[in-house]
């Protein structure tokens, strides 16, 4: 078979060209392309590391800004609560003062009203005594026919009302 006999001659030639092609590809990839790929990967790694460091610094700055803001907010809240407490105290003092003035005015009005009532009661009592004395004089005159003086009738009515 002639094909088998040619196998050794063509096989050696094909093997040679395979090794030459493989060597050429290895040289091109190993010496030209691989360093570029490695430098690109290194640059990307450095860029990612730089971005991570910048992000960490930004996070630390944001945390510090938040802490400062919270401290300012707490101080403002405490100040507001202090002002509210002061305003309440002033409002309570003013209300107590107005309430005391209102009580004093009410007490004065009550005292004046009580004095008026006492005067009206005394006047009414005097008038009732006078009417009762006149009625007693008329009753005595009608039933007994005797004349009673106004002073006697007044004394008798006072004795009857007090006793």
C-alpha atoms as a PDB file:
ATOM      1  CA  UNK A   1       0.000   0.000   0.000  1.00  0.00           C
ATOM      2  CA  UNK A   2       1.490   3.102  -1.124  1.00  0.00           C
ATOM      3  CA  UNK A   3      -0.396   5.295   1.358  1.00  0.00           C
ATOM      4  CA  UNK A   4       1.203   3.593   4.308  1.00  0.00           C
ATOM      5  CA  UNK A   5       4.657   3.921   2.916  1.00  0.00           C
ATOM      6  CA  UNK A   6       4.208   7.669   2.438  1.00  0.00           C
ATOM      7  CA  UNK A   7       3.048   8.022   5.969  1.00  0.00           C
ATOM      8  CA  UNK A   8       6.523   8.213   7.443  1.00  0.00           C
ATOM      9  CA  UNK A   9       7.679  10.872   4.989  1.00  0.00           C
ATOM     10  CA  UNK A  10       4.608  13.110   5.335  1.00  0.00           C
ATOM     11  CA  UNK A  11       4.290  12.557   9.053  1.00  0.00           C
ATOM     12  CA  UNK A  12       7.759  13.917   9.756  1.00  0.00           C
ATOM     13  CA  UNK A  13       7.095  16.942   7.545  1.00  0.00           C
ATOM     14  CA  UNK A  14       3.719  17.644   9.179  1.00  0.00           C
ATOM     15  CA  UNK A  15       5.201  17.223  12.619  1.00  0.00           C
ATOM     16  CA  UNK A  16       7.959  19.715  11.773  1.00  0.00           C
ATOM     17  CA  UNK A  17       5.531  22.357  10.533  1.00  0.00           C
ATOM     18  CA  UNK A  18       3.284  21.764  13.543  1.00  0.00           C
ATOM     19  CA  UNK A  19       6.213  22.452  15.858  1.00  0.00           C
ATOM     20  CA  UNK A  20       7.247  25.542  13.867  1.00  0.00           C
ATOM     21  CA  UNK A  21       3.682  26.920  13.904  1.00  0.00           C
ATOM     22  CA  UNK A  22       3.258  26.125  17.580  1.00  0.00           C
ATOM     23  CA  UNK A  23       6.581  27.806  18.401  1.00  0.00           C
ATOM     24  CA  UNK A  24       5.639  30.883  16.376  1.00  0.00           C
ATOM     25  CA  UNK A  25       2.235  31.149  18.080  1.00  0.00           C
ATOM     26  CA  UNK A  26       3.839  30.557  21.479  1.00  0.00           C
ATOM     27  CA  UNK A  27       6.393  33.290  20.796  1.00  0.00           C
ATOM     28  CA  UNK A  28       3.786  35.798  19.568  1.00  0.00           C
ATOM     29  CA  UNK A  29       1.375  35.106  22.401  1.00  0.00           C
ATOM     30  CA  UNK A  30       4.046  34.789  25.111  1.00  0.00           C
ATOM     31  CA  UNK A  31       6.203  37.737  24.140  1.00  0.00           C
ATOM     32  CA  UNK A  32       3.753  40.216  22.637  1.00  0.00           C
ATOM     33  CA  UNK A  33       0.174  39.591  23.744  1.00  0.00           C
ATOM     34  CA  UNK A  34       0.588  38.167  27.238  1.00  0.00           C
ATOM     35  CA  UNK A  35       2.491  41.184  28.657  1.00  0.00           C
ATOM     36  CA  UNK A  36      -0.212  43.499  27.348  1.00  0.00           C
ATOM     37  CA  UNK A  37      -2.952  41.377  28.916  1.00  0.00           C
ATOM     38  CA  UNK A  38      -1.054  41.170  32.207  1.00  0.00           C
ATOM     39  CA  UNK A  39      -0.492  44.941  32.255  1.00  0.00           C
ATOM     40  CA  UNK A  40      -4.188  45.510  31.531  1.00  0.00           C
ATOM     41  CA  UNK A  41      -5.173  43.155  34.368  1.00  0.00           C
ATOM     42  CA  UNK A  42      -2.701  44.872  36.711  1.00  0.00           C
ATOM     43  CA  UNK A  43      -4.053  48.301  35.748  1.00  0.00           C
ATOM     44  CA  UNK A  44      -7.595  47.103  36.327  1.00  0.00           C
ATOM     45  CA  UNK A  45      -6.606  45.659  39.729  1.00  0.00           C
ATOM     46  CA  UNK A  46      -4.954  48.950  40.678  1.00  0.00           C
ATOM     47  CA  UNK A  47      -7.991  50.896  39.492  1.00  0.00           C
ATOM     48  CA  UNK A  48     -10.335  48.666  41.507  1.00  0.00           C
ATOM     49  CA  UNK A  49      -8.100  48.947  44.572  1.00  0.00           C
ATOM     50  CA  UNK A  50      -8.010  52.740  44.166  1.00  0.00           C
ATOM     51  CA  UNK A  51     -11.793  52.875  43.760  1.00  0.00           C
ATOM     52  CA  UNK A  52     -12.249  50.709  46.860  1.00  0.00           C
ATOM     53  CA  UNK A  53      -9.906  52.946  48.854  1.00  0.00           C
ATOM     54  CA  UNK A  54     -11.752  56.055  47.636  1.00  0.00           C
ATOM     55  CA  UNK A  55     -15.098  54.446  48.509  1.00  0.00           C
ATOM     56  CA  UNK A  56     -13.814  53.538  51.980  1.00  0.00           C
ATOM     57  CA  UNK A  57     -12.572  57.107  52.502  1.00  0.00           C
ATOM     58  CA  UNK A  58     -15.907  58.480  51.292  1.00  0.00           C
ATOM     59  CA  UNK A  59     -17.777  56.126  53.628  1.00  0.00           C
ATOM     60  CA  UNK A  60     -15.605  57.207  56.561  1.00  0.00           C
ATOM     61  CA  UNK A  61     -16.212  60.880  55.673  1.00  0.00           C
ATOM     62  CA  UNK A  62     -19.963  60.224  55.386  1.00  0.00           C
ATOM     63  CA  UNK A  63     -19.965  58.453  58.752  1.00  0.00           C
ATOM     64  CA  UNK A  64     -18.133  61.392  60.320  1.00  0.00           C
ATOM     65  CA  UNK A  65     -20.532  63.881  58.707  1.00  0.00           C
ATOM     66  CA  UNK A  66     -23.497  61.856  59.954  1.00  0.00           C
ATOM     67  CA  UNK A  67     -22.043  61.742  63.469  1.00  0.00           C
ATOM     68  CA  UNK A  68     -21.487  65.520  63.407  1.00  0.00           C
ATOM     69  CA  UNK A  69     -25.019  66.069  62.108  1.00  0.00           C
ATOM     70  CA  UNK A  70     -26.490  63.837  64.834  1.00  0.00           C
ATOM     71  CA  UNK A  71     -24.536  65.721  67.492  1.00  0.00           C
ATOM     72  CA  UNK A  72     -25.795  69.060  66.137  1.00  0.00           C
ATOM     73  CA  UNK A  73     -29.344  67.694  65.921  1.00  0.00           C
ATOM     74  CA  UNK A  74     -29.211  66.444  69.513  1.00  0.00           C
ATOM     75  CA  UNK A  75     -27.853  69.799  70.691  1.00  0.00           C
ATOM     76  CA  UNK A  76     -30.594  71.626  68.785  1.00  0.00           C
ATOM     77  CA  UNK A  77     -33.230  69.280  70.222  1.00  0.00           C
ATOM     78  CA  UNK A  78     -31.943  69.852  73.755  1.00  0.00           C
ATOM     79  CA  UNK A  79     -31.959  73.617  73.175  1.00  0.00           C
ATOM     80  CA  UNK A  80     -35.513  73.461  71.867  1.00  0.00           C
ATOM     81  CA  UNK A  81     -36.644  71.376  74.832  1.00  0.00           C
ATOM     82  CA  UNK A  82     -34.972  73.862  77.183  1.00  0.00           C
ATOM     83  CA  UNK A  83     -36.768  76.761  75.466  1.00  0.00           C
ATOM     84  CA  UNK A  84     -40.052  74.865  75.638  1.00  0.00           C
ATOM     85  CA  UNK A  85     -39.532  74.232  79.360  1.00  0.00           C
ATOM     86  CA  UNK A  86     -38.733  77.921  79.914  1.00  0.00           C
ATOM     87  CA  UNK A  87     -41.796  78.976  77.923  1.00  0.00           C
ATOM     88  CA  UNK A  88     -43.952  76.559  79.918  1.00  0.00           C
ATOM     89  CA  UNK A  89     -42.566  77.908  83.176  1.00  0.00           C
ATOM     90  CA  UNK A  90     -43.210  81.487  82.055  1.00  0.00           C
ATOM     91  CA  UNK A  91     -46.685  80.541  80.834  1.00  0.00           C
ATOM     92  CA  UNK A  92     -47.459  78.772  84.117  1.00  0.00           C
ATOM     93  CA  UNK A  93     -46.194  81.756  86.108  1.00  0.00           C
ATOM     94  CA  UNK A  94     -48.247  84.182  84.009  1.00  0.00           C
ATOM     95  CA  UNK A  95     -51.304  81.926  84.298  1.00  0.00           C
ATOM     96  CA  UNK A  96     -50.816  81.659  88.061  1.00  0.00           C
ATOM     97  CA  UNK A  97     -50.501  85.436  88.289  1.00  0.00           C
ATOM     98  CA  UNK A  98     -53.658  85.967  86.210  1.00  0.00           C
ATOM     99  CA  UNK A  99     -55.429  83.304  88.248  1.00  0.00           C
ATOM    100  CA  UNK A 100     -54.405  84.992  91.506  1.00  0.00           C
ATOM    101  CA  UNK A 101     -55.612  88.354  90.176  1.00  0.00           C
ATOM    102  CA  UNK A 102     -58.878  86.740  89.073  1.00  0.00           C
ATOM    103  CA  UNK A 103     -59.267  85.120  92.506  1.00  0.00           C
ATOM    104  CA  UNK A 104     -58.615  88.436  94.219  1.00  0.00           C
ATOM    105  CA  UNK A 105     -61.147  90.167  91.976  1.00  0.00           C
ATOM    106  CA  UNK A 106     -63.651  87.371  92.523  1.00  0.00           C
ATOM    107  CA  UNK A 107     -63.091  87.472  96.282  1.00  0.00           C
ATOM    108  CA  UNK A 108     -63.607  91.252  96.247  1.00  0.00           C
ATOM    109  CA  UNK A 109     -66.824  90.856  94.248  1.00  0.00           C
ATOM    110  CA  UNK A 110     -68.010  88.105  96.597  1.00  0.00           C
ATOM    111  CA  UNK A 111     -67.250  90.281  99.635  1.00  0.00           C
ATOM    112  CA  UNK A 112     -69.093  93.215  98.035  1.00  0.00           C
ATOM    113  CA  UNK A 113     -72.021  90.957  97.152  1.00  0.00           C
ATOM    114  CA  UNK A 114     -72.088  89.531 100.682  1.00  0.00           C
ATOM    115  CA  UNK A 115     -72.037  93.068 102.094  1.00  0.00           C
ATOM    116  CA  UNK A 116     -74.898  94.009  99.747  1.00  0.00           C
ATOM    117  CA  UNK A 117     -76.809  90.910 100.782  1.00  0.00           C
ATOM    118  CA  UNK A 118     -76.188  91.654 104.451  1.00  0.00           C
ATOM    119  CA  UNK A 119     -77.335  95.250 103.957  1.00  0.00           C
ATOM    120  CA  UNK A 120     -80.381  94.082 101.989  1.00  0.00           C
ATOM    121  CA  UNK A 121     -81.112  91.466 104.662  1.00  0.00           C
ATOM    122  CA  UNK A 122     -80.830  94.073 107.420  1.00  0.00           C
ATOM    123  CA  UNK A 123     -83.020  96.491 105.471  1.00  0.00           C
ATOM    124  CA  UNK A 124     -85.532  93.745 104.754  1.00  0.00           C
ATOM    125  CA  UNK A 125     -85.442  92.682 108.397  1.00  0.00           C
ATOM    126  CA  UNK A 126     -86.026  96.269 109.514  1.00  0.00           C
ATOM    127  CA  UNK A 127     -88.838  96.620 107.005  1.00  0.00           C
ATOM    128  CA  UNK A 128     -90.342  93.318 108.097  1.00  0.00           C
ATOM    129  CA  UNK A 129     -90.170  94.457 111.726  1.00  0.00           C
ATOM    130  CA  UNK A 130     -91.795  97.754 110.807  1.00  0.00           C
ATOM    131  CA  UNK A 131     -94.579  96.008 108.858  1.00  0.00           C
ATOM    132  CA  UNK A 132     -94.982  93.456 111.666  1.00  0.00           C
ATOM    133  CA  UNK A 133     -95.153  96.269 114.251  1.00  0.00           C
ATOM    134  CA  UNK A 134     -97.824  98.089 112.199  1.00  0.00           C
ATOM    135  CA  UNK A 135     -99.743  94.861 111.741  1.00  0.00           C
ATOM    136  CA  UNK A 136     -99.468  94.082 115.463  1.00  0.00           C
ATOM    137  CA  UNK A 137    -100.804  97.548 116.360  1.00  0.00           C
ATOM    138  CA  UNK A 138    -103.712  97.107 113.947  1.00  0.00           C
ATOM    139  CA  UNK A 139    -104.469  93.598 115.247  1.00  0.00           C
ATOM    140  CA  UNK A 140    -104.370  94.739 118.880  1.00  0.00           C
ATOM    141  CA  UNK A 141    -106.590  97.738 118.053  1.00  0.00           C
ATOM    142  CA  UNK A 142    -109.146  95.578 116.243  1.00  0.00           C
ATOM    143  CA  UNK A 143    -109.349  92.769 118.758  1.00  0.00           C
ATOM    144  CA  UNK A 144    -108.942  94.591 122.014  1.00  0.00           C
ATOM    145  CA  UNK A 145    -109.649  98.138 121.053  1.00  0.00           C
ATOM    146  CA  UNK A 146    -106.585  99.360 122.977  1.00  0.00           C
ATOM    147  CA  UNK A 147    -104.125 101.786 121.477  1.00  0.00           C
ATOM    148  CA  UNK A 148    -100.523 100.521 121.381  1.00  0.00           C
ATOM    149  CA  UNK A 149     -97.701 102.920 120.722  1.00  0.00           C
ATOM    150  CA  UNK A 150     -95.300 102.303 117.838  1.00  0.00           C
ATOM    151  CA  UNK A 151     -92.375 101.827 120.250  1.00  0.00           C
ATOM    152  CA  UNK A 152     -94.289  99.205 122.262  1.00  0.00           C
ATOM    153  CA  UNK A 153     -95.303  97.339 119.110  1.00  0.00           C
ATOM    154  CA  UNK A 154     -91.712  97.532 117.826  1.00  0.00           C
ATOM    155  CA  UNK A 155     -90.341  96.116 121.126  1.00  0.00           C
ATOM    156  CA  UNK A 156     -92.905  93.293 121.115  1.00  0.00           C
ATOM    157  CA  UNK A 157     -92.065  92.314 117.494  1.00  0.00           C
ATOM    158  CA  UNK A 158     -88.310  92.354 118.265  1.00  0.00           C
ATOM    159  CA  UNK A 159     -88.858  90.177 121.316  1.00  0.00           C
ATOM    160  CA  UNK A 160     -90.984  87.737 119.300  1.00  0.00           C
ATOM    161  CA  UNK A 161     -88.457  87.537 116.418  1.00  0.00           C
ATOM    162  CA  UNK A 162     -85.375  87.186 118.633  1.00  0.00           C
ATOM    163  CA  UNK A 163     -86.863  84.797 121.119  1.00  0.00           C
END
